[in-house]
């Protein structure tokens, strides 16, 4: 999720404002021709760029999904909308919170700046809140000693591999997750893909996050917690799916992100 149009919007706004200022100082309109046309066009675009920049910075921002770490909830090349007002009004660039509007809850689909590279945006699901103890053992996730509720709804086997699909209840969110692994060709035993286990204490003003594709997600199990200061917003809507090569946009997946469809 490293595509960020904010820089280009800001640059476009600066250019149009600069043209407007130069016009006021040097009266470029009086020269006529192409210069006058360029000035008029830039003046008309100032308000458009400004409104779009304000909406994107404070209210809602579009992102695309670059990887399968949130499958089956989010597919690669899904276009989503992120509510940037859900967890507080924040200043652009610094991401400093200036107005409190809410806090992330268990089960929220969270967009945040990657702690190890803040120029990248990541998307994962909130599992642990400040003060929680999260444990992962034998593919079971527990929070404060209580296993997360889940129900097996589908299972696949083939070509020496297996996958299980669960409906998981995390807070108010009811969503699908995947777990997968290999099958021992000699014993037929199902081996988990990920053997990552451990226990984590979530500090204040931080969150523990995991991908819904549990065995194929680079998340808090590997690099730690998400500080509150890196929170961007809550993903809430899929509005388009578009494969990048020789395809047209599809709107068949449009809808709220946590709608459970266990097919």
C-alpha atoms as a PDB file:
ATOM      1  CA  UNK A   1       0.000   0.000   0.000  1.00  0.00           C
ATOM      2  CA  UNK A   2       2.815   2.361  -0.860  1.00  0.00           C
ATOM      3  CA  UNK A   3       0.918   4.289  -3.563  1.00  0.00           C
ATOM      4  CA  UNK A   4       0.345   7.755  -2.110  1.00  0.00           C
ATOM      5  CA  UNK A   5      -1.192  10.470  -4.261  1.00  0.00           C
ATOM      6  CA  UNK A   6      -0.873  13.041  -1.507  1.00  0.00           C
ATOM      7  CA  UNK A   7       2.532  14.198  -2.724  1.00  0.00           C
ATOM      8  CA  UNK A   8       1.246  14.794  -6.258  1.00  0.00           C
ATOM      9  CA  UNK A   9      -1.867  16.593  -5.043  1.00  0.00           C
ATOM     10  CA  UNK A  10       0.242  18.831  -2.832  1.00  0.00           C
ATOM     11  CA  UNK A  11       2.653  19.522  -5.680  1.00  0.00           C
ATOM     12  CA  UNK A  12      -0.192  20.324  -8.071  1.00  0.00           C
ATOM     13  CA  UNK A  13      -1.716  22.701  -5.535  1.00  0.00           C
ATOM     14  CA  UNK A  14       1.621  24.443  -4.986  1.00  0.00           C
ATOM     15  CA  UNK A  15       2.152  24.863  -8.734  1.00  0.00           C
ATOM     16  CA  UNK A  16      -1.303  26.322  -9.312  1.00  0.00           C
ATOM     17  CA  UNK A  17      -0.958  28.664  -6.342  1.00  0.00           C
ATOM     18  CA  UNK A  18       2.468  29.753  -7.604  1.00  0.00           C
ATOM     19  CA  UNK A  19       0.999  30.551 -11.031  1.00  0.00           C
ATOM     20  CA  UNK A  20      -1.796  32.526  -9.368  1.00  0.00           C
ATOM     21  CA  UNK A  21       0.707  34.540  -7.307  1.00  0.00           C
ATOM     22  CA  UNK A  22       2.898  35.238 -10.339  1.00  0.00           C
ATOM     23  CA  UNK A  23      -0.184  36.330 -12.269  1.00  0.00           C
ATOM     24  CA  UNK A  24      -1.146  38.780  -9.536  1.00  0.00           C
ATOM     25  CA  UNK A  25       2.364  40.200  -9.378  1.00  0.00           C
ATOM     26  CA  UNK A  26       3.201  40.382 -13.082  1.00  0.00           C
ATOM     27  CA  UNK A  27      -0.308  40.627 -14.614  1.00  0.00           C
ATOM     28  CA  UNK A  28       0.287  37.738 -17.016  1.00  0.00           C
ATOM     29  CA  UNK A  29      -3.292  37.780 -18.278  1.00  0.00           C
ATOM     30  CA  UNK A  30      -2.639  41.017 -20.096  1.00  0.00           C
ATOM     31  CA  UNK A  31      -0.137  39.259 -22.353  1.00  0.00           C
ATOM     32  CA  UNK A  32      -2.863  37.071 -23.899  1.00  0.00           C
ATOM     33  CA  UNK A  33      -2.419  33.837 -25.852  1.00  0.00           C
ATOM     34  CA  UNK A  34      -1.197  30.634 -24.266  1.00  0.00           C
ATOM     35  CA  UNK A  35      -0.004  32.347 -21.102  1.00  0.00           C
ATOM     36  CA  UNK A  36      -3.463  33.718 -20.406  1.00  0.00           C
ATOM     37  CA  UNK A  37      -5.025  30.300 -21.016  1.00  0.00           C
ATOM     38  CA  UNK A  38      -2.582  28.594 -18.668  1.00  0.00           C
ATOM     39  CA  UNK A  39      -3.252  31.165 -15.946  1.00  0.00           C
ATOM     40  CA  UNK A  40      -7.023  30.808 -16.222  1.00  0.00           C
ATOM     41  CA  UNK A  41      -6.775  27.017 -16.135  1.00  0.00           C
ATOM     42  CA  UNK A  42      -4.531  27.025 -13.070  1.00  0.00           C
ATOM     43  CA  UNK A  43      -6.803  29.489 -11.276  1.00  0.00           C
ATOM     44  CA  UNK A  44      -9.832  27.275 -11.877  1.00  0.00           C
ATOM     45  CA  UNK A  45      -7.961  24.207 -10.576  1.00  0.00           C
ATOM     46  CA  UNK A  46      -6.825  25.742  -7.286  1.00  0.00           C
ATOM     47  CA  UNK A  47     -10.142  25.165  -5.525  1.00  0.00           C
ATOM     48  CA  UNK A  48     -10.441  21.636  -6.957  1.00  0.00           C
ATOM     49  CA  UNK A  49      -6.979  20.585  -5.764  1.00  0.00           C
ATOM     50  CA  UNK A  50      -7.568  22.241  -2.396  1.00  0.00           C
ATOM     51  CA  UNK A  51     -10.873  20.448  -1.763  1.00  0.00           C
ATOM     52  CA  UNK A  52      -9.456  17.073  -2.848  1.00  0.00           C
ATOM     53  CA  UNK A  53      -6.383  17.563  -0.651  1.00  0.00           C
ATOM     54  CA  UNK A  54      -8.500  18.451   2.388  1.00  0.00           C
ATOM     55  CA  UNK A  55     -10.780  15.428   1.881  1.00  0.00           C
ATOM     56  CA  UNK A  56      -7.820  13.095   1.423  1.00  0.00           C
ATOM     57  CA  UNK A  57      -5.871  14.493   4.382  1.00  0.00           C
ATOM     58  CA  UNK A  58      -8.654  14.621   6.965  1.00  0.00           C
ATOM     59  CA  UNK A  59     -11.692  12.579   5.911  1.00  0.00           C
ATOM     60  CA  UNK A  60     -11.209   9.660   3.499  1.00  0.00           C
ATOM     61  CA  UNK A  61      -8.323   8.363   1.385  1.00  0.00           C
ATOM     62  CA  UNK A  62      -8.196   5.708  -1.357  1.00  0.00           C
ATOM     63  CA  UNK A  63      -5.625   2.912  -1.326  1.00  0.00           C
ATOM     64  CA  UNK A  64      -4.921  -0.198  -3.389  1.00  0.00           C
ATOM     65  CA  UNK A  65      -4.043  -3.629  -1.983  1.00  0.00           C
ATOM     66  CA  UNK A  66      -0.608  -4.831  -3.223  1.00  0.00           C
ATOM     67  CA  UNK A  67      -0.324  -8.237  -1.508  1.00  0.00           C
ATOM     68  CA  UNK A  68      -2.322 -11.229  -0.301  1.00  0.00           C
ATOM     69  CA  UNK A  69      -1.690 -10.805   3.425  1.00  0.00           C
ATOM     70  CA  UNK A  70      -5.347  -9.901   4.074  1.00  0.00           C
ATOM     71  CA  UNK A  71      -6.895 -12.692   1.992  1.00  0.00           C
ATOM     72  CA  UNK A  72      -9.670 -13.708   1.838  1.00  0.00           C
ATOM     73  CA  UNK A  73     -11.026 -10.381   3.123  1.00  0.00           C
ATOM     74  CA  UNK A  74      -9.041  -8.222   0.705  1.00  0.00           C
ATOM     75  CA  UNK A  75      -7.696  -9.357  -2.647  1.00  0.00           C
ATOM     76  CA  UNK A  76      -4.653  -8.086  -4.504  1.00  0.00           C
ATOM     77  CA  UNK A  77      -5.680  -5.058  -6.628  1.00  0.00           C
ATOM     78  CA  UNK A  78      -8.740  -4.243  -4.535  1.00  0.00           C
ATOM     79  CA  UNK A  79      -9.320  -0.499  -4.309  1.00  0.00           C
ATOM     80  CA  UNK A  80     -10.437   0.508  -0.825  1.00  0.00           C
ATOM     81  CA  UNK A  81     -11.464   3.612   1.098  1.00  0.00           C
ATOM     82  CA  UNK A  82      -9.973   4.463   4.484  1.00  0.00           C
ATOM     83  CA  UNK A  83     -11.778   6.581   7.076  1.00  0.00           C
ATOM     84  CA  UNK A  84      -9.108   8.981   8.352  1.00  0.00           C
ATOM     85  CA  UNK A  85     -11.489  10.609  10.818  1.00  0.00           C
ATOM     86  CA  UNK A  86     -12.297   7.386  12.696  1.00  0.00           C
ATOM     87  CA  UNK A  87      -9.366   7.589  15.096  1.00  0.00           C
ATOM     88  CA  UNK A  88      -8.884  11.333  15.377  1.00  0.00           C
ATOM     89  CA  UNK A  89      -8.244  14.396  13.256  1.00  0.00           C
ATOM     90  CA  UNK A  90      -4.554  14.446  12.375  1.00  0.00           C
ATOM     91  CA  UNK A  91      -2.262  17.000  10.797  1.00  0.00           C
ATOM     92  CA  UNK A  92      -0.840  16.094   7.371  1.00  0.00           C
ATOM     93  CA  UNK A  93       2.852  15.126   7.165  1.00  0.00           C
ATOM     94  CA  UNK A  94       3.436  14.959  10.958  1.00  0.00           C
ATOM     95  CA  UNK A  95       0.345  12.766  11.607  1.00  0.00           C
ATOM     96  CA  UNK A  96      -0.087  14.529  14.966  1.00  0.00           C
ATOM     97  CA  UNK A  97      -3.563  14.013  16.444  1.00  0.00           C
ATOM     98  CA  UNK A  98      -5.318  17.310  17.198  1.00  0.00           C
ATOM     99  CA  UNK A  99      -8.909  16.126  17.798  1.00  0.00           C
ATOM    100  CA  UNK A 100     -10.001  12.885  19.493  1.00  0.00           C
ATOM    101  CA  UNK A 101     -12.793  11.009  17.698  1.00  0.00           C
ATOM    102  CA  UNK A 102     -12.188   7.383  18.670  1.00  0.00           C
ATOM    103  CA  UNK A 103      -9.661   4.595  19.134  1.00  0.00           C
ATOM    104  CA  UNK A 104      -8.971   1.367  17.203  1.00  0.00           C
ATOM    105  CA  UNK A 105     -10.919  -1.640  18.474  1.00  0.00           C
ATOM    106  CA  UNK A 106     -10.258  -5.367  18.200  1.00  0.00           C
ATOM    107  CA  UNK A 107     -11.245  -6.541  14.752  1.00  0.00           C
ATOM    108  CA  UNK A 108     -10.798  -3.187  13.009  1.00  0.00           C
ATOM    109  CA  UNK A 109      -8.984  -3.257   9.670  1.00  0.00           C
ATOM    110  CA  UNK A 110      -6.222  -0.761  10.332  1.00  0.00           C
ATOM    111  CA  UNK A 111      -4.083   1.200   7.891  1.00  0.00           C
ATOM    112  CA  UNK A 112      -0.841   2.455   9.403  1.00  0.00           C
ATOM    113  CA  UNK A 113       2.663   3.538   8.542  1.00  0.00           C
ATOM    114  CA  UNK A 114       5.078   0.597   8.702  1.00  0.00           C
ATOM    115  CA  UNK A 115       7.230   1.087  11.829  1.00  0.00           C
ATOM    116  CA  UNK A 116      10.399  -0.040  10.031  1.00  0.00           C
ATOM    117  CA  UNK A 117       9.796   2.189   6.983  1.00  0.00           C
ATOM    118  CA  UNK A 118       7.355   5.019   7.592  1.00  0.00           C
ATOM    119  CA  UNK A 119       7.125   5.859   3.900  1.00  0.00           C
ATOM    120  CA  UNK A 120       5.124   2.624   3.417  1.00  0.00           C
ATOM    121  CA  UNK A 121       1.507   2.063   4.409  1.00  0.00           C
ATOM    122  CA  UNK A 122       0.475  -1.360   5.741  1.00  0.00           C
ATOM    123  CA  UNK A 123      -2.967  -2.842   6.338  1.00  0.00           C
ATOM    124  CA  UNK A 124      -3.720  -5.484   8.992  1.00  0.00           C
ATOM    125  CA  UNK A 125      -6.402  -6.399  11.518  1.00  0.00           C
ATOM    126  CA  UNK A 126      -6.230  -5.192  15.120  1.00  0.00           C
ATOM    127  CA  UNK A 127      -5.854  -8.157  17.485  1.00  0.00           C
ATOM    128  CA  UNK A 128      -4.345  -6.633  20.634  1.00  0.00           C
ATOM    129  CA  UNK A 129      -5.145  -3.312  22.322  1.00  0.00           C
ATOM    130  CA  UNK A 130      -2.984  -1.327  24.758  1.00  0.00           C
ATOM    131  CA  UNK A 131      -2.362  -3.425  27.866  1.00  0.00           C
ATOM    132  CA  UNK A 132      -3.358  -6.731  26.242  1.00  0.00           C
ATOM    133  CA  UNK A 133      -1.313  -9.919  26.316  1.00  0.00           C
ATOM    134  CA  UNK A 134      -1.386 -11.728  22.964  1.00  0.00           C
ATOM    135  CA  UNK A 135      -0.205 -15.313  22.605  1.00  0.00           C
ATOM    136  CA  UNK A 136       0.160 -17.431  19.465  1.00  0.00           C
ATOM    137  CA  UNK A 137       0.636 -21.170  20.007  1.00  0.00           C
ATOM    138  CA  UNK A 138      -0.181 -24.115  17.740  1.00  0.00           C
ATOM    139  CA  UNK A 139      -2.024 -21.800  15.325  1.00  0.00           C
ATOM    140  CA  UNK A 140      -4.339 -20.600  18.104  1.00  0.00           C
ATOM    141  CA  UNK A 141      -4.405 -16.899  19.020  1.00  0.00           C
ATOM    142  CA  UNK A 142      -5.360 -15.931  22.565  1.00  0.00           C
ATOM    143  CA  UNK A 143      -5.894 -12.455  23.991  1.00  0.00           C
ATOM    144  CA  UNK A 144      -5.566 -12.063  27.757  1.00  0.00           C
ATOM    145  CA  UNK A 145      -5.790 -15.832  28.137  1.00  0.00           C
ATOM    146  CA  UNK A 146      -8.992 -16.209  26.079  1.00  0.00           C
ATOM    147  CA  UNK A 147      -8.784 -17.959  22.673  1.00  0.00           C
ATOM    148  CA  UNK A 148     -10.240 -15.928  19.819  1.00  0.00           C
ATOM    149  CA  UNK A 149     -13.555 -17.494  18.800  1.00  0.00           C
ATOM    150  CA  UNK A 150     -13.521 -19.127  15.382  1.00  0.00           C
ATOM    151  CA  UNK A 151     -15.533 -21.694  13.434  1.00  0.00           C
ATOM    152  CA  UNK A 152     -14.197 -23.920  10.656  1.00  0.00           C
ATOM    153  CA  UNK A 153     -16.345 -23.414   7.553  1.00  0.00           C
ATOM    154  CA  UNK A 154     -14.285 -24.922   4.736  1.00  0.00           C
ATOM    155  CA  UNK A 155     -11.193 -27.042   4.139  1.00  0.00           C
ATOM    156  CA  UNK A 156      -9.138 -27.796   1.032  1.00  0.00           C
ATOM    157  CA  UNK A 157      -6.496 -30.459   0.389  1.00  0.00           C
ATOM    158  CA  UNK A 158      -4.384 -31.154  -2.673  1.00  0.00           C
ATOM    159  CA  UNK A 159      -0.851 -31.285  -4.114  1.00  0.00           C
ATOM    160  CA  UNK A 160       0.666 -31.887  -0.694  1.00  0.00           C
ATOM    161  CA  UNK A 161      -0.919 -28.809   0.883  1.00  0.00           C
ATOM    162  CA  UNK A 162      -3.974 -27.868   2.936  1.00  0.00           C
ATOM    163  CA  UNK A 163      -5.951 -24.728   3.691  1.00  0.00           C
ATOM    164  CA  UNK A 164      -8.654 -24.055   6.265  1.00  0.00           C
ATOM    165  CA  UNK A 165     -11.100 -21.184   6.222  1.00  0.00           C
ATOM    166  CA  UNK A 166     -12.553 -19.988   9.515  1.00  0.00           C
ATOM    167  CA  UNK A 167     -15.139 -17.434  10.515  1.00  0.00           C
ATOM    168  CA  UNK A 168     -13.463 -15.507  13.316  1.00  0.00           C
ATOM    169  CA  UNK A 169     -15.193 -13.325  15.893  1.00  0.00           C
ATOM    170  CA  UNK A 170     -12.899 -10.558  17.113  1.00  0.00           C
ATOM    171  CA  UNK A 171     -14.621  -7.783  19.012  1.00  0.00           C
ATOM    172  CA  UNK A 172     -17.631  -6.691  16.959  1.00  0.00           C
ATOM    173  CA  UNK A 173     -16.019  -7.938  13.747  1.00  0.00           C
ATOM    174  CA  UNK A 174     -17.060 -11.236  12.184  1.00  0.00           C
ATOM    175  CA  UNK A 175     -14.702 -12.036   9.326  1.00  0.00           C
ATOM    176  CA  UNK A 176     -12.944 -14.804   7.404  1.00  0.00           C
ATOM    177  CA  UNK A 177      -9.361 -15.933   7.961  1.00  0.00           C
ATOM    178  CA  UNK A 178      -7.136 -18.501   6.274  1.00  0.00           C
ATOM    179  CA  UNK A 179      -4.651 -20.948   7.740  1.00  0.00           C
ATOM    180  CA  UNK A 180      -2.606 -23.284   5.580  1.00  0.00           C
ATOM    181  CA  UNK A 181       0.352 -25.637   5.497  1.00  0.00           C
ATOM    182  CA  UNK A 182       1.889 -28.772   4.018  1.00  0.00           C
ATOM    183  CA  UNK A 183       0.917 -32.453   4.216  1.00  0.00           C
ATOM    184  CA  UNK A 184       3.632 -34.941   5.151  1.00  0.00           C
ATOM    185  CA  UNK A 185       3.723 -37.354   2.167  1.00  0.00           C
ATOM    186  CA  UNK A 186       4.715 -40.292   4.389  1.00  0.00           C
ATOM    187  CA  UNK A 187       2.439 -39.884   7.407  1.00  0.00           C
ATOM    188  CA  UNK A 188      -0.350 -37.717   5.976  1.00  0.00           C
ATOM    189  CA  UNK A 189       0.068 -35.373   8.915  1.00  0.00           C
ATOM    190  CA  UNK A 190      -0.916 -31.749   8.329  1.00  0.00           C
ATOM    191  CA  UNK A 191       1.958 -29.421   9.139  1.00  0.00           C
ATOM    192  CA  UNK A 192       1.373 -25.684   9.694  1.00  0.00           C
ATOM    193  CA  UNK A 193       2.993 -23.303   7.237  1.00  0.00           C
ATOM    194  CA  UNK A 194       3.996 -20.894   9.977  1.00  0.00           C
ATOM    195  CA  UNK A 195       5.593 -22.112  13.192  1.00  0.00           C
ATOM    196  CA  UNK A 196       5.806 -18.616  14.646  1.00  0.00           C
ATOM    197  CA  UNK A 197       4.863 -18.770  18.313  1.00  0.00           C
ATOM    198  CA  UNK A 198       5.278 -16.421  21.204  1.00  0.00           C
ATOM    199  CA  UNK A 199       3.715 -14.071  23.698  1.00  0.00           C
ATOM    200  CA  UNK A 200       3.595 -10.296  23.386  1.00  0.00           C
ATOM    201  CA  UNK A 201       2.650  -7.613  25.898  1.00  0.00           C
ATOM    202  CA  UNK A 202       1.101  -4.638  24.109  1.00  0.00           C
ATOM    203  CA  UNK A 203       2.330  -1.344  25.619  1.00  0.00           C
ATOM    204  CA  UNK A 204       0.207   1.750  26.095  1.00  0.00           C
ATOM    205  CA  UNK A 205      -0.553   3.751  22.939  1.00  0.00           C
ATOM    206  CA  UNK A 206       0.205   0.771  20.688  1.00  0.00           C
ATOM    207  CA  UNK A 207      -1.560  -2.081  18.871  1.00  0.00           C
ATOM    208  CA  UNK A 208      -0.834  -5.695  17.924  1.00  0.00           C
ATOM    209  CA  UNK A 209      -1.940  -6.492  14.369  1.00  0.00           C
ATOM    210  CA  UNK A 210      -2.171  -9.601  12.184  1.00  0.00           C
ATOM    211  CA  UNK A 211      -3.142 -10.356   8.599  1.00  0.00           C
ATOM    212  CA  UNK A 212      -6.241 -12.446   7.868  1.00  0.00           C
ATOM    213  CA  UNK A 213      -4.047 -14.714   5.719  1.00  0.00           C
ATOM    214  CA  UNK A 214      -2.415 -15.890   8.933  1.00  0.00           C
ATOM    215  CA  UNK A 215       0.375 -17.996   7.449  1.00  0.00           C
ATOM    216  CA  UNK A 216       1.318 -15.468   4.761  1.00  0.00           C
ATOM    217  CA  UNK A 217       1.439 -12.147   6.558  1.00  0.00           C
ATOM    218  CA  UNK A 218       4.312  -9.946   7.681  1.00  0.00           C
ATOM    219  CA  UNK A 219       2.805  -8.534  10.863  1.00  0.00           C
ATOM    220  CA  UNK A 220       3.309  -7.895  14.585  1.00  0.00           C
ATOM    221  CA  UNK A 221       4.495 -11.467  15.142  1.00  0.00           C
ATOM    222  CA  UNK A 222       7.665 -10.577  13.244  1.00  0.00           C
ATOM    223  CA  UNK A 223       8.357  -6.847  13.753  1.00  0.00           C
ATOM    224  CA  UNK A 224       6.395  -5.873  16.852  1.00  0.00           C
ATOM    225  CA  UNK A 225       3.631  -3.433  17.727  1.00  0.00           C
ATOM    226  CA  UNK A 226       2.167  -0.430  15.893  1.00  0.00           C
ATOM    227  CA  UNK A 227       2.618   2.841  17.835  1.00  0.00           C
ATOM    228  CA  UNK A 228      -0.516   5.004  17.966  1.00  0.00           C
ATOM    229  CA  UNK A 229       1.336   7.844  16.251  1.00  0.00           C
ATOM    230  CA  UNK A 230       1.618   5.736  13.065  1.00  0.00           C
ATOM    231  CA  UNK A 231      -2.122   5.049  12.726  1.00  0.00           C
ATOM    232  CA  UNK A 232      -3.608   6.352   9.457  1.00  0.00           C
ATOM    233  CA  UNK A 233      -7.237   5.236   9.597  1.00  0.00           C
ATOM    234  CA  UNK A 234      -9.812   2.443   9.368  1.00  0.00           C
ATOM    235  CA  UNK A 235     -10.423   0.637   6.079  1.00  0.00           C
ATOM    236  CA  UNK A 236     -14.174   0.310   5.624  1.00  0.00           C
ATOM    237  CA  UNK A 237     -15.118  -0.125   1.957  1.00  0.00           C
ATOM    238  CA  UNK A 238     -14.069  -1.934  -1.217  1.00  0.00           C
ATOM    239  CA  UNK A 239     -15.149   0.264  -4.120  1.00  0.00           C
ATOM    240  CA  UNK A 240     -13.413  -1.353  -7.103  1.00  0.00           C
ATOM    241  CA  UNK A 241     -11.188  -4.225  -8.216  1.00  0.00           C
ATOM    242  CA  UNK A 242      -8.885  -3.698 -11.166  1.00  0.00           C
ATOM    243  CA  UNK A 243      -6.217  -6.049 -12.463  1.00  0.00           C
ATOM    244  CA  UNK A 244      -3.418  -3.899 -13.930  1.00  0.00           C
ATOM    245  CA  UNK A 245      -2.925  -5.548 -17.341  1.00  0.00           C
ATOM    246  CA  UNK A 246      -5.485  -5.946 -20.160  1.00  0.00           C
ATOM    247  CA  UNK A 247      -8.557  -5.725 -17.963  1.00  0.00           C
ATOM    248  CA  UNK A 248     -11.398  -3.396 -17.141  1.00  0.00           C
ATOM    249  CA  UNK A 249     -12.425  -2.355 -13.626  1.00  0.00           C
ATOM    250  CA  UNK A 250     -14.795  -4.682 -11.786  1.00  0.00           C
ATOM    251  CA  UNK A 251     -17.349  -3.589  -9.209  1.00  0.00           C
ATOM    252  CA  UNK A 252     -18.530  -7.073  -8.221  1.00  0.00           C
ATOM    253  CA  UNK A 253     -16.644  -6.921  -4.906  1.00  0.00           C
ATOM    254  CA  UNK A 254     -18.041  -3.563  -3.837  1.00  0.00           C
ATOM    255  CA  UNK A 255     -19.199  -3.409  -0.253  1.00  0.00           C
ATOM    256  CA  UNK A 256     -18.267  -3.190   3.404  1.00  0.00           C
ATOM    257  CA  UNK A 257     -14.958  -4.884   4.130  1.00  0.00           C
ATOM    258  CA  UNK A 258     -16.095  -7.207   6.947  1.00  0.00           C
ATOM    259  CA  UNK A 259     -19.070  -8.739   5.164  1.00  0.00           C
ATOM    260  CA  UNK A 260     -18.719 -12.528   5.676  1.00  0.00           C
ATOM    261  CA  UNK A 261     -19.323 -14.683   2.628  1.00  0.00           C
ATOM    262  CA  UNK A 262     -17.994 -18.163   3.380  1.00  0.00           C
ATOM    263  CA  UNK A 263     -17.986 -19.706  -0.092  1.00  0.00           C
END
